[in-house]
Amino acid sequence: MCGNTNPLIAQMKQLPVHVFELDSPTNLAAARGILGPERVILGNVATVEDMLEGTPERVYEACRSCHEISGPFHIVGTGCEVPPATPAENLRAMVRYATEHQLYQFERRAA
């Protein structure tokens, strides 16, 4: 879901879905706390600030941060679509992070 879904997370938790896609305006730590440690979260890397305007290092760090906050049940990705003008090296940085880090690398954090 694109945009800030902070006010909807508690309601979203009731949905019978397997993956919650969260855009960068959504507070990832708060969402994890509401959704619980075992719901799958996809995304939260900023489409403009990180992917379009950032450097490969910034994209890699954004992926790491989202993964660390989300814990083991996280899918690396943006919170919305990727802008067509995104530099290829930024896309490669995201793919590199995803291939270098295993699903269960980060310990679960207490919700």
PDB file of N, CA and C in Angstrom:
ATOM      1  N   MET A   1       0.852  -1.182   0.000  1.00  0.00           N
ATOM      2  CA  MET A   1       0.000   0.000   0.000  1.00  0.00           C
ATOM      3  C   MET A   1       0.889   1.234   0.000  1.00  0.00           C
ATOM      4  N   CYS A   2       0.624   2.125  -0.910  1.00  0.00           N
ATOM      5  CA  CYS A   2       1.426   3.345  -1.005  1.00  0.00           C
ATOM      6  C   CYS A   2       0.985   4.366   0.041  1.00  0.00           C
ATOM      7  N   GLY A   3       1.947   5.150   0.490  1.00  0.00           N
ATOM      8  CA  GLY A   3       1.655   6.242   1.407  1.00  0.00           C
ATOM      9  C   GLY A   3       1.754   5.855   2.865  1.00  0.00           C
ATOM     10  N   ASN A   4       1.317   6.771   3.708  1.00  0.00           N
ATOM     11  CA  ASN A   4       1.371   6.611   5.154  1.00  0.00           C
ATOM     12  C   ASN A   4       0.168   5.795   5.619  1.00  0.00           C
ATOM     13  N   THR A   5       0.413   4.587   6.024  1.00  0.00           N
ATOM     14  CA  THR A   5      -0.671   3.719   6.504  1.00  0.00           C
ATOM     15  C   THR A   5      -0.641   3.553   8.018  1.00  0.00           C
ATOM     16  N   ASN A   6       0.099   4.426   8.716  1.00  0.00           N
ATOM     17  CA  ASN A   6       0.175   4.320  10.175  1.00  0.00           C
ATOM     18  C   ASN A   6      -1.194   4.175  10.836  1.00  0.00           C
ATOM     19  N   PRO A   7      -2.194   5.001  10.471  1.00  0.00           N
ATOM     20  CA  PRO A   7      -3.493   4.882  11.154  1.00  0.00           C
ATOM     21  C   PRO A   7      -4.256   3.601  10.816  1.00  0.00           C
ATOM     22  N   LEU A   8      -3.809   2.880   9.802  1.00  0.00           N
ATOM     23  CA  LEU A   8      -4.541   1.691   9.351  1.00  0.00           C
ATOM     24  C   LEU A   8      -3.924   0.365   9.786  1.00  0.00           C
ATOM     25  N   ILE A   9      -2.739   0.396  10.363  1.00  0.00           N
ATOM     26  CA  ILE A   9      -2.010  -0.846  10.642  1.00  0.00           C
ATOM     27  C   ILE A   9      -2.817  -1.805  11.518  1.00  0.00           C
ATOM     28  N   ALA A  10      -3.449  -1.304  12.561  1.00  0.00           N
ATOM     29  CA  ALA A  10      -4.225  -2.196  13.441  1.00  0.00           C
ATOM     30  C   ALA A  10      -5.355  -2.872  12.679  1.00  0.00           C
ATOM     31  N   GLN A  11      -5.989  -2.145  11.779  1.00  0.00           N
ATOM     32  CA  GLN A  11      -7.052  -2.739  10.966  1.00  0.00           C
ATOM     33  C   GLN A  11      -6.458  -3.690   9.929  1.00  0.00           C
ATOM     34  N   MET A  12      -5.328  -3.309   9.349  1.00  0.00           N
ATOM     35  CA  MET A  12      -4.672  -4.159   8.362  1.00  0.00           C
ATOM     36  C   MET A  12      -4.289  -5.504   8.966  1.00  0.00           C
ATOM     37  N   LYS A  13      -3.949  -5.501  10.253  1.00  0.00           N
ATOM     38  CA  LYS A  13      -3.549  -6.738  10.937  1.00  0.00           C
ATOM     39  C   LYS A  13      -4.640  -7.803  10.849  1.00  0.00           C
ATOM     40  N   GLN A  14      -5.876  -7.377  10.742  1.00  0.00           N
ATOM     41  CA  GLN A  14      -7.004  -8.309  10.703  1.00  0.00           C
ATOM     42  C   GLN A  14      -7.195  -8.956   9.324  1.00  0.00           C
ATOM     43  N   LEU A  15      -6.511  -8.425   8.308  1.00  0.00           N
ATOM     44  CA  LEU A  15      -6.674  -8.952   6.952  1.00  0.00           C
ATOM     45  C   LEU A  15      -6.059 -10.346   6.823  1.00  0.00           C
ATOM     46  N   PRO A  16      -6.693 -11.226   6.068  1.00  0.00           N
ATOM     47  CA  PRO A  16      -6.158 -12.575   5.876  1.00  0.00           C
ATOM     48  C   PRO A  16      -5.124 -12.599   4.743  1.00  0.00           C
ATOM     49  N   VAL A  17      -4.038 -11.867   4.944  1.00  0.00           N
ATOM     50  CA  VAL A  17      -2.989 -11.794   3.922  1.00  0.00           C
ATOM     51  C   VAL A  17      -1.692 -12.368   4.475  1.00  0.00           C
ATOM     52  N   HIS A  18      -0.797 -12.708   3.573  1.00  0.00           N
ATOM     53  CA  HIS A  18       0.483 -13.280   3.983  1.00  0.00           C
ATOM     54  C   HIS A  18       1.601 -12.251   4.053  1.00  0.00           C
ATOM     55  N   VAL A  19       1.482 -11.153   3.287  1.00  0.00           N
ATOM     56  CA  VAL A  19       2.542 -10.154   3.210  1.00  0.00           C
ATOM     57  C   VAL A  19       1.933  -8.762   3.310  1.00  0.00           C
ATOM     58  N   PHE A  20       2.534  -7.917   4.148  1.00  0.00           N
ATOM     59  CA  PHE A  20       2.128  -6.524   4.276  1.00  0.00           C
ATOM     60  C   PHE A  20       3.194  -5.654   3.626  1.00  0.00           C
ATOM     61  N   GLU A  21       2.829  -4.998   2.523  1.00  0.00           N
ATOM     62  CA  GLU A  21       3.759  -4.083   1.856  1.00  0.00           C
ATOM     63  C   GLU A  21       3.576  -2.714   2.488  1.00  0.00           C
ATOM     64  N   LEU A  22       4.671  -2.170   3.041  1.00  0.00           N
ATOM     65  CA  LEU A  22       4.588  -0.884   3.731  1.00  0.00           C
ATOM     66  C   LEU A  22       5.498   0.136   3.060  1.00  0.00           C
ATOM     67  N   ASP A  23       4.924   1.268   2.698  1.00  0.00           N
ATOM     68  CA  ASP A  23       5.660   2.346   2.052  1.00  0.00           C
ATOM     69  C   ASP A  23       6.474   3.112   3.093  1.00  0.00           C
ATOM     70  N   SER A  24       7.483   3.836   2.630  1.00  0.00           N
ATOM     71  CA  SER A  24       8.426   4.512   3.533  1.00  0.00           C
ATOM     72  C   SER A  24       7.808   5.544   4.476  1.00  0.00           C
ATOM     73  N   PRO A  25       6.690   6.203   4.155  1.00  0.00           N
ATOM     74  CA  PRO A  25       6.119   7.116   5.166  1.00  0.00           C
ATOM     75  C   PRO A  25       5.558   6.395   6.391  1.00  0.00           C
ATOM     76  N   THR A  26       5.358   5.086   6.292  1.00  0.00           N
ATOM     77  CA  THR A  26       4.838   4.310   7.418  1.00  0.00           C
ATOM     78  C   THR A  26       5.958   4.019   8.396  1.00  0.00           C
ATOM     79  N   ASN A  27       5.680   4.190   9.676  1.00  0.00           N
ATOM     80  CA  ASN A  27       6.656   3.925  10.731  1.00  0.00           C
ATOM     81  C   ASN A  27       6.836   2.413  10.846  1.00  0.00           C
ATOM     82  N   LEU A  28       7.965   1.931  10.359  1.00  0.00           N
ATOM     83  CA  LEU A  28       8.207   0.496  10.284  1.00  0.00           C
ATOM     84  C   LEU A  28       8.273  -0.159  11.660  1.00  0.00           C
ATOM     85  N   ALA A  29       8.945   0.475  12.602  1.00  0.00           N
ATOM     86  CA  ALA A  29       9.051  -0.106  13.945  1.00  0.00           C
ATOM     87  C   ALA A  29       7.683  -0.197  14.614  1.00  0.00           C
ATOM     88  N   ALA A  30       6.884   0.839  14.475  1.00  0.00           N
ATOM     89  CA  ALA A  30       5.541   0.820  15.067  1.00  0.00           C
ATOM     90  C   ALA A  30       4.675  -0.237  14.390  1.00  0.00           C
ATOM     91  N   ALA A  31       4.792  -0.341  13.068  1.00  0.00           N
ATOM     92  CA  ALA A  31       4.018  -1.347  12.337  1.00  0.00           C
ATOM     93  C   ALA A  31       4.407  -2.749  12.786  1.00  0.00           C
ATOM     94  N   ARG A  32       5.711  -2.994  12.939  1.00  0.00           N
ATOM     95  CA  ARG A  32       6.163  -4.307  13.403  1.00  0.00           C
ATOM     96  C   ARG A  32       5.577  -4.597  14.774  1.00  0.00           C
ATOM     97  N   GLY A  33       5.568  -3.598  15.643  1.00  0.00           N
ATOM     98  CA  GLY A  33       5.011  -3.785  16.974  1.00  0.00           C
ATOM     99  C   GLY A  33       3.542  -4.168  16.951  1.00  0.00           C
ATOM    100  N   ILE A  34       2.795  -3.567  16.048  1.00  0.00           N
ATOM    101  CA  ILE A  34       1.365  -3.857  15.945  1.00  0.00           C
ATOM    102  C   ILE A  34       1.122  -5.192  15.244  1.00  0.00           C
ATOM    103  N   LEU A  35       1.831  -5.435  14.158  1.00  0.00           N
ATOM    104  CA  LEU A  35       1.607  -6.660  13.388  1.00  0.00           C
ATOM    105  C   LEU A  35       2.128  -7.908  14.084  1.00  0.00           C
ATOM    106  N   GLY A  36       3.096  -7.715  14.979  1.00  0.00           N
ATOM    107  CA  GLY A  36       3.691  -8.849  15.668  1.00  0.00           C
ATOM    108  C   GLY A  36       4.927  -9.340  14.934  1.00  0.00           C
ATOM    109  N   PRO A  37       5.724 -10.162  15.593  1.00  0.00           N
ATOM    110  CA  PRO A  37       7.024 -10.550  15.058  1.00  0.00           C
ATOM    111  C   PRO A  37       7.003 -11.551  13.906  1.00  0.00           C
ATOM    112  N   GLU A  38       5.878 -12.209  13.667  1.00  0.00           N
ATOM    113  CA  GLU A  38       5.870 -13.272  12.662  1.00  0.00           C
ATOM    114  C   GLU A  38       5.058 -12.959  11.411  1.00  0.00           C
ATOM    115  N   ARG A  39       4.557 -11.752  11.282  1.00  0.00           N
ATOM    116  CA  ARG A  39       3.874 -11.353  10.049  1.00  0.00           C
ATOM    117  C   ARG A  39       4.946 -10.867   9.073  1.00  0.00           C
ATOM    118  N   VAL A  40       4.813 -11.173   7.810  1.00  0.00           N
ATOM    119  CA  VAL A  40       5.807 -10.804   6.805  1.00  0.00           C
ATOM    120  C   VAL A  40       5.586  -9.360   6.356  1.00  0.00           C
ATOM    121  N   ILE A  41       6.665  -8.585   6.391  1.00  0.00           N
ATOM    122  CA  ILE A  41       6.639  -7.199   5.917  1.00  0.00           C
ATOM    123  C   ILE A  41       7.549  -7.089   4.708  1.00  0.00           C
ATOM    124  N   LEU A  42       7.034  -6.462   3.668  1.00  0.00           N
ATOM    125  CA  LEU A  42       7.801  -6.196   2.463  1.00  0.00           C
ATOM    126  C   LEU A  42       8.019  -4.699   2.372  1.00  0.00           C
ATOM    127  N   GLY A  43       9.263  -4.315   2.105  1.00  0.00           N
ATOM    128  CA  GLY A  43       9.522  -2.932   1.727  1.00  0.00           C
ATOM    129  C   GLY A  43       9.957  -1.987   2.805  1.00  0.00           C
ATOM    130  N   ASN A  44       9.541  -0.762   2.593  1.00  0.00           N
ATOM    131  CA  ASN A  44       9.782   0.409   3.412  1.00  0.00           C
ATOM    132  C   ASN A  44      11.023   1.172   2.977  1.00  0.00           C
ATOM    133  N   VAL A  45      11.764   0.706   1.977  1.00  0.00           N
ATOM    134  CA  VAL A  45      12.862   1.496   1.417  1.00  0.00           C
ATOM    135  C   VAL A  45      12.221   2.619   0.600  1.00  0.00           C
ATOM    136  N   ALA A  46      12.641   3.848   0.830  1.00  0.00           N
ATOM    137  CA  ALA A  46      12.033   5.014   0.182  1.00  0.00           C
ATOM    138  C   ALA A  46      12.277   5.018  -1.323  1.00  0.00           C
ATOM    139  N   THR A  47      11.201   5.150  -2.078  1.00  0.00           N
ATOM    140  CA  THR A  47      11.303   5.108  -3.540  1.00  0.00           C
ATOM    141  C   THR A  47      12.026   6.314  -4.123  1.00  0.00           C
ATOM    142  N   VAL A  48      11.836   7.491  -3.534  1.00  0.00           N
ATOM    143  CA  VAL A  48      12.472   8.697  -4.071  1.00  0.00           C
ATOM    144  C   VAL A  48      13.789   8.975  -3.352  1.00  0.00           C
ATOM    145  N   GLU A  49      13.743   9.173  -2.039  1.00  0.00           N
ATOM    146  CA  GLU A  49      14.935   9.575  -1.286  1.00  0.00           C
ATOM    147  C   GLU A  49      16.068   8.560  -1.368  1.00  0.00           C
ATOM    148  N   ASP A  50      15.739   7.279  -1.314  1.00  0.00           N
ATOM    149  CA  ASP A  50      16.784   6.250  -1.361  1.00  0.00           C
ATOM    150  C   ASP A  50      17.032   5.753  -2.784  1.00  0.00           C
ATOM    151  N   MET A  51      15.995   5.236  -3.431  1.00  0.00           N
ATOM    152  CA  MET A  51      16.182   4.592  -4.733  1.00  0.00           C
ATOM    153  C   MET A  51      16.504   5.578  -5.852  1.00  0.00           C
ATOM    154  N   LEU A  52      15.712   6.620  -5.994  1.00  0.00           N
ATOM    155  CA  LEU A  52      15.877   7.546  -7.110  1.00  0.00           C
ATOM    156  C   LEU A  52      17.015   8.535  -6.890  1.00  0.00           C
ATOM    157  N   GLU A  53      17.085   9.122  -5.702  1.00  0.00           N
ATOM    158  CA  GLU A  53      18.045  10.194  -5.438  1.00  0.00           C
ATOM    159  C   GLU A  53      19.261   9.757  -4.629  1.00  0.00           C
ATOM    160  N   GLY A  54      19.230   8.565  -4.058  1.00  0.00           N
ATOM    161  CA  GLY A  54      20.307   8.112  -3.189  1.00  0.00           C
ATOM    162  C   GLY A  54      21.476   7.503  -3.947  1.00  0.00           C
ATOM    163  N   THR A  55      22.443   7.086  -3.174  1.00  0.00           N
ATOM    164  CA  THR A  55      23.622   6.400  -3.700  1.00  0.00           C
ATOM    165  C   THR A  55      23.447   4.902  -3.461  1.00  0.00           C
ATOM    166  N   PRO A  56      24.240   4.074  -4.114  1.00  0.00           N
ATOM    167  CA  PRO A  56      24.165   2.636  -3.823  1.00  0.00           C
ATOM    168  C   PRO A  56      24.393   2.340  -2.338  1.00  0.00           C
ATOM    169  N   GLU A  57      25.293   3.074  -1.717  1.00  0.00           N
ATOM    170  CA  GLU A  57      25.561   2.868  -0.283  1.00  0.00           C
ATOM    171  C   GLU A  57      24.327   3.206   0.549  1.00  0.00           C
ATOM    172  N   ARG A  58      23.640   4.268   0.182  1.00  0.00           N
ATOM    173  CA  ARG A  58      22.428   4.666   0.912  1.00  0.00           C
ATOM    174  C   ARG A  58      21.332   3.619   0.742  1.00  0.00           C
ATOM    175  N   VAL A  59      21.168   3.097  -0.468  1.00  0.00           N
ATOM    176  CA  VAL A  59      20.168   2.065  -0.722  1.00  0.00           C
ATOM    177  C   VAL A  59      20.482   0.816   0.098  1.00  0.00           C
ATOM    178  N   TYR A  60      21.727   0.397   0.089  1.00  0.00           N
ATOM    179  CA  TYR A  60      22.143  -0.791   0.835  1.00  0.00           C
ATOM    180  C   TYR A  60      21.856  -0.604   2.326  1.00  0.00           C
ATOM    181  N   GLU A  61      22.174   0.563   2.853  1.00  0.00           N
ATOM    182  CA  GLU A  61      21.938   0.854   4.267  1.00  0.00           C
ATOM    183  C   GLU A  61      20.446   0.904   4.575  1.00  0.00           C
ATOM    184  N   ALA A  62      19.658   1.454   3.679  1.00  0.00           N
ATOM    185  CA  ALA A  62      18.210   1.500   3.884  1.00  0.00           C
ATOM    186  C   ALA A  62      17.641   0.082   3.933  1.00  0.00           C
ATOM    187  N   CYS A  63      18.128  -0.785   3.065  1.00  0.00           N
ATOM    188  CA  CYS A  63      17.707  -2.187   3.074  1.00  0.00           C
ATOM    189  C   CYS A  63      18.089  -2.849   4.400  1.00  0.00           C
ATOM    190  N   ARG A  64      19.309  -2.589   4.851  1.00  0.00           N
ATOM    191  CA  ARG A  64      19.775  -3.167   6.114  1.00  0.00           C
ATOM    192  C   ARG A  64      18.925  -2.684   7.279  1.00  0.00           C
ATOM    193  N   SER A  65      18.632  -1.399   7.298  1.00  0.00           N
ATOM    194  CA  SER A  65      17.839  -0.833   8.385  1.00  0.00           C
ATOM    195  C   SER A  65      16.436  -1.432   8.428  1.00  0.00           C
ATOM    196  N   CYS A  66      15.783  -1.511   7.273  1.00  0.00           N
ATOM    197  CA  CYS A  66      14.443  -2.103   7.218  1.00  0.00           C
ATOM    198  C   CYS A  66      14.461  -3.559   7.660  1.00  0.00           C
ATOM    199  N   HIS A  67      15.463  -4.289   7.236  1.00  0.00           N
ATOM    200  CA  HIS A  67      15.603  -5.700   7.599  1.00  0.00           C
ATOM    201  C   HIS A  67      15.808  -5.842   9.109  1.00  0.00           C
ATOM    202  N   GLU A  68      16.664  -5.013   9.658  1.00  0.00           N
ATOM    203  CA  GLU A  68      16.934  -5.080  11.100  1.00  0.00           C
ATOM    204  C   GLU A  68      15.692  -4.750  11.915  1.00  0.00           C
ATOM    205  N   ILE A  69      14.963  -3.715  11.515  1.00  0.00           N
ATOM    206  CA  ILE A  69      13.747  -3.329  12.238  1.00  0.00           C
ATOM    207  C   ILE A  69      12.682  -4.410  12.104  1.00  0.00           C
ATOM    208  N   SER A  70      12.519  -4.950  10.899  1.00  0.00           N
ATOM    209  CA  SER A  70      11.460  -5.932  10.640  1.00  0.00           C
ATOM    210  C   SER A  70      11.768  -7.299  11.207  1.00  0.00           C
ATOM    211  N   GLY A  71      13.039  -7.630  11.295  1.00  0.00           N
ATOM    212  CA  GLY A  71      13.408  -8.942  11.794  1.00  0.00           C
ATOM    213  C   GLY A  71      13.388  -9.992  10.704  1.00  0.00           C
ATOM    214  N   PRO A  72      13.297 -11.255  11.090  1.00  0.00           N
ATOM    215  CA  PRO A  72      13.471 -12.341  10.131  1.00  0.00           C
ATOM    216  C   PRO A  72      12.366 -12.453   9.083  1.00  0.00           C
ATOM    217  N   PHE A  73      11.202 -11.915   9.352  1.00  0.00           N
ATOM    218  CA  PHE A  73      10.103 -12.035   8.396  1.00  0.00           C
ATOM    219  C   PHE A  73       9.982 -10.748   7.585  1.00  0.00           C
ATOM    220  N   HIS A  74      10.992 -10.524   6.761  1.00  0.00           N
ATOM    221  CA  HIS A  74      11.071  -9.301   5.954  1.00  0.00           C
ATOM    222  C   HIS A  74      11.490  -9.639   4.534  1.00  0.00           C
ATOM    223  N   ILE A  75      10.849  -8.981   3.577  1.00  0.00           N
ATOM    224  CA  ILE A  75      11.221  -9.088   2.173  1.00  0.00           C
ATOM    225  C   ILE A  75      11.804  -7.750   1.759  1.00  0.00           C
ATOM    226  N   VAL A  76      13.026  -7.762   1.255  1.00  0.00           N
ATOM    227  CA  VAL A  76      13.700  -6.538   0.832  1.00  0.00           C
ATOM    228  C   VAL A  76      12.966  -5.948  -0.366  1.00  0.00           C
ATOM    229  N   GLY A  77      12.663  -4.655  -0.283  1.00  0.00           N
ATOM    230  CA  GLY A  77      12.014  -3.982  -1.402  1.00  0.00           C
ATOM    231  C   GLY A  77      11.607  -2.577  -1.043  1.00  0.00           C
ATOM    232  N   THR A  78      11.120  -1.883  -2.043  1.00  0.00           N
ATOM    233  CA  THR A  78      10.596  -0.541  -1.804  1.00  0.00           C
ATOM    234  C   THR A  78       9.181  -0.683  -1.260  1.00  0.00           C
ATOM    235  N   GLY A  79       8.666   0.405  -0.749  1.00  0.00           N
ATOM    236  CA  GLY A  79       7.306   0.374  -0.226  1.00  0.00           C
ATOM    237  C   GLY A  79       6.269   0.616  -1.297  1.00  0.00           C
ATOM    238  N   CYS A  80       6.698   0.993  -2.439  1.00  0.00           N
ATOM    239  CA  CYS A  80       5.794   1.273  -3.549  1.00  0.00           C
ATOM    240  C   CYS A  80       6.568   0.914  -4.818  1.00  0.00           C
ATOM    241  N   GLU A  81       6.169   1.417  -5.943  1.00  0.00           N
ATOM    242  CA  GLU A  81       6.905   1.074  -7.148  1.00  0.00           C
ATOM    243  C   GLU A  81       8.276   1.753  -7.174  1.00  0.00           C
ATOM    244  N   VAL A  82       9.115   1.305  -8.081  1.00  0.00           N
ATOM    245  CA  VAL A  82      10.445   1.894  -8.266  1.00  0.00           C
ATOM    246  C   VAL A  82      10.345   2.882  -9.428  1.00  0.00           C
ATOM    247  N   PRO A  83      10.768   4.137  -9.226  1.00  0.00           N
ATOM    248  CA  PRO A  83      10.692   5.112 -10.318  1.00  0.00           C
ATOM    249  C   PRO A  83      11.482   4.641 -11.537  1.00  0.00           C
ATOM    250  N   PRO A  84      10.948   4.855 -12.741  1.00  0.00           N
ATOM    251  CA  PRO A  84      11.634   4.413 -13.957  1.00  0.00           C
ATOM    252  C   PRO A  84      13.043   4.981 -14.116  1.00  0.00           C
ATOM    253  N   ALA A  85      13.297   6.165 -13.579  1.00  0.00           N
ATOM    254  CA  ALA A  85      14.614   6.793 -13.726  1.00  0.00           C
ATOM    255  C   ALA A  85      15.596   6.383 -12.626  1.00  0.00           C
ATOM    256  N   THR A  86      15.238   5.395 -11.807  1.00  0.00           N
ATOM    257  CA  THR A  86      16.132   4.938 -10.746  1.00  0.00           C
ATOM    258  C   THR A  86      17.450   4.468 -11.358  1.00  0.00           C
ATOM    259  N   PRO A  87      18.578   4.948 -10.834  1.00  0.00           N
ATOM    260  CA  PRO A  87      19.871   4.502 -11.363  1.00  0.00           C
ATOM    261  C   PRO A  87      20.044   2.983 -11.206  1.00  0.00           C
ATOM    262  N   ALA A  88      20.564   2.369 -12.252  1.00  0.00           N
ATOM    263  CA  ALA A  88      20.762   0.914 -12.238  1.00  0.00           C
ATOM    264  C   ALA A  88      21.632   0.477 -11.065  1.00  0.00           C
ATOM    265  N   GLU A  89      22.625   1.282 -10.704  1.00  0.00           N
ATOM    266  CA  GLU A  89      23.500   0.896  -9.594  1.00  0.00           C
ATOM    267  C   GLU A  89      22.745   0.862  -8.267  1.00  0.00           C
ATOM    268  N   ASN A  90      21.687   1.657  -8.138  1.00  0.00           N
ATOM    269  CA  ASN A  90      20.884   1.607  -6.920  1.00  0.00           C
ATOM    270  C   ASN A  90      20.044   0.335  -6.875  1.00  0.00           C
ATOM    271  N   LEU A  91      19.517  -0.069  -8.023  1.00  0.00           N
ATOM    272  CA  LEU A  91      18.794  -1.342  -8.081  1.00  0.00           C
ATOM    273  C   LEU A  91      19.731  -2.507  -7.783  1.00  0.00           C
ATOM    274  N   ARG A  92      20.931  -2.431  -8.319  1.00  0.00           N
ATOM    275  CA  ARG A  92      21.911  -3.492  -8.053  1.00  0.00           C
ATOM    276  C   ARG A  92      22.278  -3.539  -6.569  1.00  0.00           C
ATOM    277  N   ALA A  93      22.326  -2.382  -5.908  1.00  0.00           N
ATOM    278  CA  ALA A  93      22.637  -2.354  -4.470  1.00  0.00           C
ATOM    279  C   ALA A  93      21.543  -3.061  -3.673  1.00  0.00           C
ATOM    280  N   MET A  94      20.293  -2.875  -4.069  1.00  0.00           N
ATOM    281  CA  MET A  94      19.185  -3.547  -3.378  1.00  0.00           C
ATOM    282  C   MET A  94      19.269  -5.053  -3.602  1.00  0.00           C
ATOM    283  N   VAL A  95      19.510  -5.462  -4.823  1.00  0.00           N
ATOM    284  CA  VAL A  95      19.633  -6.886  -5.133  1.00  0.00           C
ATOM    285  C   VAL A  95      20.830  -7.485  -4.392  1.00  0.00           C
ATOM    286  N   ARG A  96      21.924  -6.751  -4.339  1.00  0.00           N
ATOM    287  CA  ARG A  96      23.115  -7.232  -3.629  1.00  0.00           C
ATOM    288  C   ARG A  96      22.803  -7.450  -2.154  1.00  0.00           C
ATOM    289  N   TYR A  97      22.118  -6.485  -1.527  1.00  0.00           N
ATOM    290  CA  TYR A  97      21.765  -6.658  -0.116  1.00  0.00           C
ATOM    291  C   TYR A  97      20.916  -7.922   0.055  1.00  0.00           C
ATOM    292  N   ALA A  98      19.902  -8.062  -0.792  1.00  0.00           N
ATOM    293  CA  ALA A  98      18.983  -9.201  -0.670  1.00  0.00           C
ATOM    294  C   ALA A  98      19.700 -10.537  -0.846  1.00  0.00           C
ATOM    295  N   THR A  99      20.677 -10.585  -1.738  1.00  0.00           N
ATOM    296  CA  THR A  99      21.371 -11.853  -1.965  1.00  0.00           C
ATOM    297  C   THR A  99      22.441 -12.127  -0.908  1.00  0.00           C
ATOM    298  N   GLU A 100      22.927 -11.098  -0.249  1.00  0.00           N
ATOM    299  CA  GLU A 100      23.973 -11.279   0.767  1.00  0.00           C
ATOM    300  C   GLU A 100      23.432 -11.563   2.162  1.00  0.00           C
ATOM    301  N   HIS A 101      22.147 -11.369   2.379  1.00  0.00           N
ATOM    302  CA  HIS A 101      21.590 -11.520   3.729  1.00  0.00           C
ATOM    303  C   HIS A 101      20.504 -12.568   3.751  1.00  0.00           C
ATOM    304  N   GLN A 102      20.653 -13.467   4.677  1.00  0.00           N
ATOM    305  CA  GLN A 102      19.689 -14.535   4.817  1.00  0.00           C
ATOM    306  C   GLN A 102      18.480 -14.055   5.596  1.00  0.00           C
ATOM    307  N   LEU A 103      17.387 -14.720   5.372  1.00  0.00           N
ATOM    308  CA  LEU A 103      16.115 -14.369   5.979  1.00  0.00           C
ATOM    309  C   LEU A 103      16.186 -14.253   7.500  1.00  0.00           C
ATOM    310  N   TYR A 104      16.885 -15.147   8.157  1.00  0.00           N
ATOM    311  CA  TYR A 104      16.875 -15.179   9.614  1.00  0.00           C
ATOM    312  C   TYR A 104      18.118 -14.564  10.242  1.00  0.00           C
ATOM    313  N   GLN A 105      18.792 -13.674   9.544  1.00  0.00           N
ATOM    314  CA  GLN A 105      20.021 -13.102  10.071  1.00  0.00           C
ATOM    315  C   GLN A 105      19.794 -12.289  11.341  1.00  0.00           C
ATOM    316  N   PHE A 106      18.723 -11.512  11.377  1.00  0.00           N
ATOM    317  CA  PHE A 106      18.488 -10.656  12.532  1.00  0.00           C
ATOM    318  C   PHE A 106      17.593 -11.348  13.539  1.00  0.00           C
ATOM    319  N   GLU A 107      17.953 -11.214  14.791  1.00  0.00           N
ATOM    320  CA  GLU A 107      17.153 -11.796  15.866  1.00  0.00           C
ATOM    321  C   GLU A 107      15.794 -11.119  15.894  1.00  0.00           C
ATOM    322  N   ARG A 108      14.795 -11.857  16.319  1.00  0.00           N
ATOM    323  CA  ARG A 108      13.478 -11.254  16.517  1.00  0.00           C
ATOM    324  C   ARG A 108      13.556 -10.284  17.676  1.00  0.00           C
ATOM    325  N   ARG A 109      12.916  -9.152  17.518  1.00  0.00           N
ATOM    326  CA  ARG A 109      12.853  -8.172  18.603  1.00  0.00           C
ATOM    327  C   ARG A 109      11.506  -8.311  19.283  1.00  0.00           C
ATOM    328  N   ALA A 110      11.496  -8.081  20.558  1.00  0.00           N
ATOM    329  CA  ALA A 110      10.238  -8.163  21.306  1.00  0.00           C
ATOM    330  C   ALA A 110       9.293  -7.082  20.793  1.00  0.00           C
ATOM    331  N   ALA A 111       8.059  -7.456  20.578  1.00  0.00           N
ATOM    332  CA  ALA A 111       7.056  -6.500  20.080  1.00  0.00           C
ATOM    333  C   ALA A 111       6.447  -5.731  21.216  1.00  0.00           C
TER     334      ALA A 111
END
